[in-house]
Amino acid sequence: MARILIVLTSHTKVGDTGKQTGFYFDEMATPYWALVDAGHEITIASIEGGHPEYDPSSVKDNPAERPEPVVRFLGDSQAMALLSKTARIDDVSPADFDGIFLAGGHGTMFDFPNSDALANTVGKIFDAGGIIGAVCHGPAGLVTAKRADGRPVVEGLRVNAFTDAEEQAVGLVEAMPFLLESRLRDLGAKFEGTSNFKGHAVRDGQLITGQNPASAALVAKKMLEALAEKESAVTA
């Protein structure tokens, strides 16, 4: 059993647009259940701690239109209790975890890169050989994370994230503090995107990243594979 930290944004507004945001519910719930069902221990944290808000567009008004993991999470009292009292990322010790997952939502673009605690947590878990997962805008939490030698965590590694073309398609390029794909490329990452809004995930060793909400299950699957490989190596 691995100890996995899921991190959510605490930011709720998209720049000056007046558009409400937060974490994208399915991008949290899908990996959460995949990891829990595999027997792993989950802690949920957020940048400010407490009860983070989700992007209202990520939970459909009609329950029949909601993805199964979202329905399951909303109906599970234990899961909802975890979400209501998330740990503050500054109070989290990287040494307590074998892996970390960064859920997306446009809010991440505003607070993930500005959190020294998150950057430190990602870097320390990476240096310890832990599994790093992120989806959609979640890789915004990778852009300031560094290895012990000072190099960006993503440098030289194959990565994926919400693409510049997808940002253009949703009309939020001007509202973003930066474009995620472009920033990852500038940091020396080998970006591997695909068609707009098509599910796609990339694994390069211990780093696993997905492009958009449709990629959450793919990232979760690759994280489970990576965690199983680690466990096998330890017990061999």
C-alpha atoms as a PDB file:
ATOM      1  CA  MET A   1       0.000   0.000   0.000  1.00  0.00           C
ATOM      2  CA  ALA A   2       1.375   3.400  -1.036  1.00  0.00           C
ATOM      3  CA  ARG A   3       0.627   6.750   0.563  1.00  0.00           C
ATOM      4  CA  ILE A   4      -0.558   9.214  -2.077  1.00  0.00           C
ATOM      5  CA  LEU A   5      -1.151  12.937  -1.716  1.00  0.00           C
ATOM      6  CA  ILE A   6      -3.822  14.507  -3.945  1.00  0.00           C
ATOM      7  CA  VAL A   7      -3.469  18.287  -4.238  1.00  0.00           C
ATOM      8  CA  LEU A   8      -6.264  20.681  -5.254  1.00  0.00           C
ATOM      9  CA  THR A   9      -6.339  24.361  -6.117  1.00  0.00           C
ATOM     10  CA  SER A  10      -7.873  26.874  -3.728  1.00  0.00           C
ATOM     11  CA  HIS A  11      -8.257  29.583  -6.381  1.00  0.00           C
ATOM     12  CA  THR A  12     -11.812  30.337  -7.497  1.00  0.00           C
ATOM     13  CA  LYS A  13     -11.719  33.067 -10.175  1.00  0.00           C
ATOM     14  CA  VAL A  14     -10.379  33.067 -13.755  1.00  0.00           C
ATOM     15  CA  GLY A  15      -8.407  36.303 -13.865  1.00  0.00           C
ATOM     16  CA  ASP A  16     -10.652  39.315 -14.397  1.00  0.00           C
ATOM     17  CA  THR A  17     -13.261  37.429 -16.408  1.00  0.00           C
ATOM     18  CA  GLY A  18     -15.700  36.962 -13.543  1.00  0.00           C
ATOM     19  CA  LYS A  19     -15.802  33.273 -14.421  1.00  0.00           C
ATOM     20  CA  GLN A  20     -15.875  30.993 -11.391  1.00  0.00           C
ATOM     21  CA  THR A  21     -13.444  28.105 -11.250  1.00  0.00           C
ATOM     22  CA  GLY A  22     -11.781  25.762  -8.776  1.00  0.00           C
ATOM     23  CA  PHE A  23     -10.634  22.165  -9.074  1.00  0.00           C
ATOM     24  CA  TYR A  24     -12.188  19.985 -11.774  1.00  0.00           C
ATOM     25  CA  PHE A  25     -14.196  17.380  -9.897  1.00  0.00           C
ATOM     26  CA  ASP A  26     -13.755  14.396 -12.210  1.00  0.00           C
ATOM     27  CA  GLU A  27     -10.004  15.001 -12.384  1.00  0.00           C
ATOM     28  CA  MET A  28      -9.905  14.499  -8.614  1.00  0.00           C
ATOM     29  CA  ALA A  29     -12.570  11.815  -8.214  1.00  0.00           C
ATOM     30  CA  THR A  30     -11.438   9.438 -10.959  1.00  0.00           C
ATOM     31  CA  PRO A  31      -7.840   9.027  -9.695  1.00  0.00           C
ATOM     32  CA  TYR A  32      -9.071   9.049  -6.097  1.00  0.00           C
ATOM     33  CA  TRP A  33     -11.252   5.985  -6.599  1.00  0.00           C
ATOM     34  CA  ALA A  34      -8.717   4.201  -8.785  1.00  0.00           C
ATOM     35  CA  LEU A  35      -6.093   4.569  -6.064  1.00  0.00           C
ATOM     36  CA  VAL A  36      -8.455   3.781  -3.167  1.00  0.00           C
ATOM     37  CA  ASP A  37      -9.845   0.696  -4.897  1.00  0.00           C
ATOM     38  CA  ALA A  38      -6.282  -0.533  -5.414  1.00  0.00           C
ATOM     39  CA  GLY A  39      -5.685  -0.318  -1.659  1.00  0.00           C
ATOM     40  CA  HIS A  40      -3.628   2.860  -1.493  1.00  0.00           C
ATOM     41  CA  GLU A  41      -3.923   5.405   1.313  1.00  0.00           C
ATOM     42  CA  ILE A  42      -5.047   8.876   0.217  1.00  0.00           C
ATOM     43  CA  THR A  43      -4.573  12.294   1.796  1.00  0.00           C
ATOM     44  CA  ILE A  44      -6.220  15.294   0.141  1.00  0.00           C
ATOM     45  CA  ALA A  45      -4.529  18.674   0.452  1.00  0.00           C
ATOM     46  CA  SER A  46      -5.107  22.074  -1.106  1.00  0.00           C
ATOM     47  CA  ILE A  47      -3.105  25.266  -1.341  1.00  0.00           C
ATOM     48  CA  GLU A  48      -4.986  27.030   1.462  1.00  0.00           C
ATOM     49  CA  GLY A  49      -6.421  23.977   3.228  1.00  0.00           C
ATOM     50  CA  GLY A  50      -9.979  23.600   4.415  1.00  0.00           C
ATOM     51  CA  HIS A  51     -12.815  23.031   1.941  1.00  0.00           C
ATOM     52  CA  PRO A  52     -11.684  23.914  -1.617  1.00  0.00           C
ATOM     53  CA  GLU A  53     -14.309  24.798  -4.191  1.00  0.00           C
ATOM     54  CA  TYR A  54     -14.796  22.850  -7.387  1.00  0.00           C
ATOM     55  CA  ASP A  55     -15.354  24.368 -10.800  1.00  0.00           C
ATOM     56  CA  PRO A  56     -19.154  24.480 -11.125  1.00  0.00           C
ATOM     57  CA  SER A  57     -18.918  23.429 -14.769  1.00  0.00           C
ATOM     58  CA  SER A  58     -17.359  20.136 -13.661  1.00  0.00           C
ATOM     59  CA  VAL A  59     -20.506  18.890 -11.890  1.00  0.00           C
ATOM     60  CA  LYS A  60     -23.529  18.754 -14.167  1.00  0.00           C
ATOM     61  CA  ASP A  61     -26.906  19.814 -12.769  1.00  0.00           C
ATOM     62  CA  ASN A  62     -28.422  16.566 -14.017  1.00  0.00           C
ATOM     63  CA  PRO A  63     -26.943  13.696 -11.963  1.00  0.00           C
ATOM     64  CA  ALA A  64     -27.455  11.336 -14.900  1.00  0.00           C
ATOM     65  CA  GLU A  65     -24.874  13.347 -16.864  1.00  0.00           C
ATOM     66  CA  ARG A  66     -22.184  13.092 -14.176  1.00  0.00           C
ATOM     67  CA  PRO A  67     -19.295  10.617 -14.552  1.00  0.00           C
ATOM     68  CA  GLU A  68     -19.608   7.605 -12.268  1.00  0.00           C
ATOM     69  CA  PRO A  69     -16.592   8.533 -10.082  1.00  0.00           C
ATOM     70  CA  VAL A  70     -18.147  11.958  -9.431  1.00  0.00           C
ATOM     71  CA  VAL A  71     -21.493  10.414  -8.471  1.00  0.00           C
ATOM     72  CA  ARG A  72     -19.720   7.939  -6.217  1.00  0.00           C
ATOM     73  CA  PHE A  73     -17.613  10.626  -4.531  1.00  0.00           C
ATOM     74  CA  LEU A  74     -20.536  12.956  -3.900  1.00  0.00           C
ATOM     75  CA  GLY A  75     -22.472  10.079  -2.373  1.00  0.00           C
ATOM     76  CA  ASP A  76     -19.669   8.828  -0.133  1.00  0.00           C
ATOM     77  CA  SER A  77     -19.646  10.434   3.316  1.00  0.00           C
ATOM     78  CA  GLN A  78     -16.039   9.465   4.064  1.00  0.00           C
ATOM     79  CA  ALA A  79     -14.752  10.898   0.791  1.00  0.00           C
ATOM     80  CA  MET A  80     -16.740  14.099   1.231  1.00  0.00           C
ATOM     81  CA  ALA A  81     -15.405  14.432   4.785  1.00  0.00           C
ATOM     82  CA  LEU A  82     -11.845  14.312   3.431  1.00  0.00           C
ATOM     83  CA  LEU A  83     -12.719  17.011   0.919  1.00  0.00           C
ATOM     84  CA  SER A  84     -14.288  19.229   3.577  1.00  0.00           C
ATOM     85  CA  LYS A  85     -11.104  19.425   5.662  1.00  0.00           C
ATOM     86  CA  THR A  86      -8.134  19.216   3.327  1.00  0.00           C
ATOM     87  CA  ALA A  87      -4.659  19.734   4.700  1.00  0.00           C
ATOM     88  CA  ARG A  88      -2.875  22.996   3.879  1.00  0.00           C
ATOM     89  CA  ILE A  89       0.011  22.202   1.544  1.00  0.00           C
ATOM     90  CA  ASP A  90       2.419  24.159   3.760  1.00  0.00           C
ATOM     91  CA  ASP A  91       1.664  21.746   6.594  1.00  0.00           C
ATOM     92  CA  VAL A  92       2.372  18.598   4.563  1.00  0.00           C
ATOM     93  CA  SER A  93       5.636  16.659   4.868  1.00  0.00           C
ATOM     94  CA  PRO A  94       6.863  15.232   1.542  1.00  0.00           C
ATOM     95  CA  ALA A  95       8.572  12.397   3.424  1.00  0.00           C
ATOM     96  CA  ASP A  96       5.149  11.040   4.394  1.00  0.00           C
ATOM     97  CA  PHE A  97       4.202  10.163   0.807  1.00  0.00           C
ATOM     98  CA  ASP A  98       5.185   7.733  -1.919  1.00  0.00           C
ATOM     99  CA  GLY A  99       3.489   9.729  -4.630  1.00  0.00           C
ATOM    100  CA  ILE A 100       1.541  12.860  -5.449  1.00  0.00           C
ATOM    101  CA  PHE A 101      -1.290  13.642  -7.841  1.00  0.00           C
ATOM    102  CA  LEU A 102      -2.091  17.170  -9.035  1.00  0.00           C
ATOM    103  CA  ALA A 103      -5.711  17.547 -10.114  1.00  0.00           C
ATOM    104  CA  GLY A 104      -6.593  20.197 -12.684  1.00  0.00           C
ATOM    105  CA  GLY A 105      -9.024  23.066 -13.048  1.00  0.00           C
ATOM    106  CA  HIS A 106      -8.186  26.563 -14.257  1.00  0.00           C
ATOM    107  CA  GLY A 107      -7.638  27.668 -10.652  1.00  0.00           C
ATOM    108  CA  THR A 108      -4.353  25.754 -10.594  1.00  0.00           C
ATOM    109  CA  MET A 109      -2.841  28.202 -13.067  1.00  0.00           C
ATOM    110  CA  PHE A 110      -3.067  30.951 -10.478  1.00  0.00           C
ATOM    111  CA  ASP A 111      -2.007  29.323  -7.204  1.00  0.00           C
ATOM    112  CA  PHE A 112      -0.054  26.143  -7.998  1.00  0.00           C
ATOM    113  CA  PRO A 113       2.978  27.894  -9.545  1.00  0.00           C
ATOM    114  CA  ASN A 114       3.112  30.440  -6.717  1.00  0.00           C
ATOM    115  CA  SER A 115       3.218  27.877  -3.910  1.00  0.00           C
ATOM    116  CA  ASP A 116       6.760  27.292  -2.679  1.00  0.00           C
ATOM    117  CA  ALA A 117       5.419  24.500  -0.465  1.00  0.00           C
ATOM    118  CA  LEU A 118       3.909  22.675  -3.442  1.00  0.00           C
ATOM    119  CA  ALA A 119       7.068  23.083  -5.512  1.00  0.00           C
ATOM    120  CA  ASN A 120       9.124  21.750  -2.602  1.00  0.00           C
ATOM    121  CA  THR A 121       6.761  18.821  -2.060  1.00  0.00           C
ATOM    122  CA  VAL A 122       6.831  17.807  -5.728  1.00  0.00           C
ATOM    123  CA  GLY A 123      10.610  18.137  -5.893  1.00  0.00           C
ATOM    124  CA  LYS A 124      11.235  16.152  -2.718  1.00  0.00           C
ATOM    125  CA  ILE A 125       8.880  13.331  -3.722  1.00  0.00           C
ATOM    126  CA  PHE A 126      10.487  13.210  -7.169  1.00  0.00           C
ATOM    127  CA  ASP A 127      14.012  13.079  -5.692  1.00  0.00           C
ATOM    128  CA  ALA A 128      12.919  10.228  -3.413  1.00  0.00           C
ATOM    129  CA  GLY A 129      11.773   8.197  -6.417  1.00  0.00           C
ATOM    130  CA  GLY A 130       8.078   8.789  -5.783  1.00  0.00           C
ATOM    131  CA  ILE A 131       5.400   8.742  -8.447  1.00  0.00           C
ATOM    132  CA  ILE A 132       4.266  12.131  -9.768  1.00  0.00           C
ATOM    133  CA  GLY A 133       0.896  12.356 -11.522  1.00  0.00           C
ATOM    134  CA  ALA A 134      -0.909  15.386 -12.941  1.00  0.00           C
ATOM    135  CA  VAL A 135      -3.745  16.031 -15.383  1.00  0.00           C
ATOM    136  CA  CYS A 136      -5.019  18.904 -17.521  1.00  0.00           C
ATOM    137  CA  HIS A 137      -3.977  22.145 -15.750  1.00  0.00           C
ATOM    138  CA  GLY A 138      -2.583  20.161 -12.794  1.00  0.00           C
ATOM    139  CA  PRO A 139       0.910  20.228 -14.376  1.00  0.00           C
ATOM    140  CA  ALA A 140       0.936  23.923 -13.451  1.00  0.00           C
ATOM    141  CA  GLY A 141       2.204  22.524 -10.155  1.00  0.00           C
ATOM    142  CA  LEU A 142       5.295  21.217 -11.952  1.00  0.00           C
ATOM    143  CA  VAL A 143       6.525  24.465 -13.468  1.00  0.00           C
ATOM    144  CA  THR A 144       8.337  25.732 -10.369  1.00  0.00           C
ATOM    145  CA  ALA A 145       9.274  22.302  -8.968  1.00  0.00           C
ATOM    146  CA  LYS A 146      12.981  21.567  -8.986  1.00  0.00           C
ATOM    147  CA  ARG A 147      15.189  18.569  -8.368  1.00  0.00           C
ATOM    148  CA  ALA A 148      17.855  18.592  -5.678  1.00  0.00           C
ATOM    149  CA  ASP A 149      20.429  19.769  -8.246  1.00  0.00           C
ATOM    150  CA  GLY A 150      18.313  22.795  -9.132  1.00  0.00           C
ATOM    151  CA  ARG A 151      17.073  21.576 -12.509  1.00  0.00           C
ATOM    152  CA  PRO A 152      13.335  21.683 -13.269  1.00  0.00           C
ATOM    153  CA  VAL A 153      11.611  18.385 -12.485  1.00  0.00           C
ATOM    154  CA  VAL A 154      10.225  18.296 -16.036  1.00  0.00           C
ATOM    155  CA  GLU A 155      13.509  18.990 -17.809  1.00  0.00           C
ATOM    156  CA  GLY A 156      14.253  16.330 -20.418  1.00  0.00           C
ATOM    157  CA  LEU A 157      11.104  14.347 -19.618  1.00  0.00           C
ATOM    158  CA  ARG A 158       8.125  13.554 -21.838  1.00  0.00           C
ATOM    159  CA  VAL A 159       5.065  15.419 -20.570  1.00  0.00           C
ATOM    160  CA  ASN A 160       1.487  16.272 -21.446  1.00  0.00           C
ATOM    161  CA  ALA A 161      -0.969  18.915 -20.214  1.00  0.00           C
ATOM    162  CA  PHE A 162      -3.810  21.138 -21.397  1.00  0.00           C
ATOM    163  CA  THR A 163      -2.469  22.377 -24.703  1.00  0.00           C
ATOM    164  CA  ASP A 164      -2.154  25.917 -26.015  1.00  0.00           C
ATOM    165  CA  ALA A 165      -4.608  24.958 -28.775  1.00  0.00           C
ATOM    166  CA  GLU A 166      -7.141  23.759 -26.195  1.00  0.00           C
ATOM    167  CA  GLU A 167      -6.750  27.001 -24.227  1.00  0.00           C
ATOM    168  CA  GLN A 168      -7.398  28.888 -27.453  1.00  0.00           C
ATOM    169  CA  ALA A 169     -10.450  26.728 -28.133  1.00  0.00           C
ATOM    170  CA  VAL A 170     -12.036  27.544 -24.764  1.00  0.00           C
ATOM    171  CA  GLY A 171     -11.292  31.245 -25.217  1.00  0.00           C
ATOM    172  CA  LEU A 172      -9.178  31.734 -22.115  1.00  0.00           C
ATOM    173  CA  VAL A 173      -5.714  32.458 -23.505  1.00  0.00           C
ATOM    174  CA  GLU A 174      -5.817  36.114 -22.476  1.00  0.00           C
ATOM    175  CA  ALA A 175      -7.122  35.276 -19.006  1.00  0.00           C
ATOM    176  CA  MET A 176      -4.264  32.905 -18.188  1.00  0.00           C
ATOM    177  CA  PRO A 177      -1.074  34.116 -16.456  1.00  0.00           C
ATOM    178  CA  PHE A 178       0.855  31.944 -18.936  1.00  0.00           C
ATOM    179  CA  LEU A 179       0.233  29.115 -21.392  1.00  0.00           C
ATOM    180  CA  LEU A 180       0.960  25.769 -19.774  1.00  0.00           C
ATOM    181  CA  GLU A 181       2.217  23.889 -22.817  1.00  0.00           C
ATOM    182  CA  SER A 182       4.544  26.736 -23.759  1.00  0.00           C
ATOM    183  CA  ARG A 183       5.900  27.051 -20.215  1.00  0.00           C
ATOM    184  CA  LEU A 184       6.621  23.322 -19.974  1.00  0.00           C
ATOM    185  CA  ARG A 185       8.462  23.462 -23.303  1.00  0.00           C
ATOM    186  CA  ASP A 186      10.465  26.477 -22.086  1.00  0.00           C
ATOM    187  CA  LEU A 187      11.543  24.420 -19.061  1.00  0.00           C
ATOM    188  CA  GLY A 188      13.011  21.750 -21.319  1.00  0.00           C
ATOM    189  CA  ALA A 189      10.149  19.258 -21.201  1.00  0.00           C
ATOM    190  CA  LYS A 190       9.422  17.113 -24.247  1.00  0.00           C
ATOM    191  CA  PHE A 191       5.762  17.968 -24.760  1.00  0.00           C
ATOM    192  CA  GLU A 192       3.583  15.321 -26.411  1.00  0.00           C
ATOM    193  CA  GLY A 193       0.057  16.572 -27.060  1.00  0.00           C
ATOM    194  CA  THR A 194      -2.711  15.207 -29.237  1.00  0.00           C
ATOM    195  CA  SER A 195      -5.966  16.487 -30.765  1.00  0.00           C
ATOM    196  CA  ASN A 196      -8.083  18.931 -28.785  1.00  0.00           C
ATOM    197  CA  PHE A 197     -10.003  17.327 -25.910  1.00  0.00           C
ATOM    198  CA  LYS A 198      -8.981  13.789 -26.823  1.00  0.00           C
ATOM    199  CA  GLY A 199      -7.860  11.605 -23.919  1.00  0.00           C
ATOM    200  CA  HIS A 200      -4.075  11.249 -23.820  1.00  0.00           C
ATOM    201  CA  ALA A 201      -1.549  10.451 -21.092  1.00  0.00           C
ATOM    202  CA  VAL A 202       2.229  10.226 -21.136  1.00  0.00           C
ATOM    203  CA  ARG A 203       4.496   8.328 -18.773  1.00  0.00           C
ATOM    204  CA  ASP A 204       8.213   8.977 -18.553  1.00  0.00           C
ATOM    205  CA  GLY A 205       9.571   6.927 -15.666  1.00  0.00           C
ATOM    206  CA  GLN A 206       8.053   8.246 -12.464  1.00  0.00           C
ATOM    207  CA  LEU A 207       6.313  11.234 -14.113  1.00  0.00           C
ATOM    208  CA  ILE A 208       2.801  10.712 -15.500  1.00  0.00           C
ATOM    209  CA  THR A 209       0.818  13.523 -17.085  1.00  0.00           C
ATOM    210  CA  GLY A 210      -2.510  13.798 -18.913  1.00  0.00           C
ATOM    211  CA  GLN A 211      -3.874  16.376 -21.332  1.00  0.00           C
ATOM    212  CA  ASN A 212      -7.454  17.158 -20.301  1.00  0.00           C
ATOM    213  CA  PRO A 213     -10.432  15.882 -18.276  1.00  0.00           C
ATOM    214  CA  ALA A 214     -10.827  12.951 -20.658  1.00  0.00           C
ATOM    215  CA  SER A 215      -7.324  11.848 -19.632  1.00  0.00           C
ATOM    216  CA  ALA A 216      -7.926  11.439 -15.884  1.00  0.00           C
ATOM    217  CA  ALA A 217      -8.591   7.692 -16.034  1.00  0.00           C
ATOM    218  CA  LEU A 218      -5.569   7.164 -18.282  1.00  0.00           C
ATOM    219  CA  VAL A 219      -3.303   8.968 -15.813  1.00  0.00           C
ATOM    220  CA  ALA A 220      -4.754   6.949 -12.928  1.00  0.00           C
ATOM    221  CA  LYS A 221      -4.115   3.687 -14.788  1.00  0.00           C
ATOM    222  CA  LYS A 222      -0.502   4.605 -15.475  1.00  0.00           C
ATOM    223  CA  MET A 223       0.001   5.676 -11.858  1.00  0.00           C
ATOM    224  CA  LEU A 224      -1.266   2.291 -10.661  1.00  0.00           C
ATOM    225  CA  GLU A 225       1.133   0.551 -13.053  1.00  0.00           C
ATOM    226  CA  ALA A 226       4.057   2.654 -11.811  1.00  0.00           C
ATOM    227  CA  LEU A 227       3.174   2.032  -8.160  1.00  0.00           C
ATOM    228  CA  ALA A 228       2.885  -1.723  -8.790  1.00  0.00           C
ATOM    229  CA  GLU A 229       6.307  -1.729 -10.460  1.00  0.00           C
ATOM    230  CA  LYS A 230       7.820   0.059  -7.478  1.00  0.00           C
ATOM    231  CA  GLU A 231       6.272  -2.431  -5.075  1.00  0.00           C
ATOM    232  CA  SER A 232       7.544  -5.351  -7.150  1.00  0.00           C
ATOM    233  CA  ALA A 233      11.055  -3.913  -7.187  1.00  0.00           C
ATOM    234  CA  VAL A 234      11.032  -3.531  -3.396  1.00  0.00           C
ATOM    235  CA  THR A 235       9.805  -7.081  -2.774  1.00  0.00           C
ATOM    236  CA  ALA A 236      11.999  -8.735  -5.408  1.00  0.00           C
END
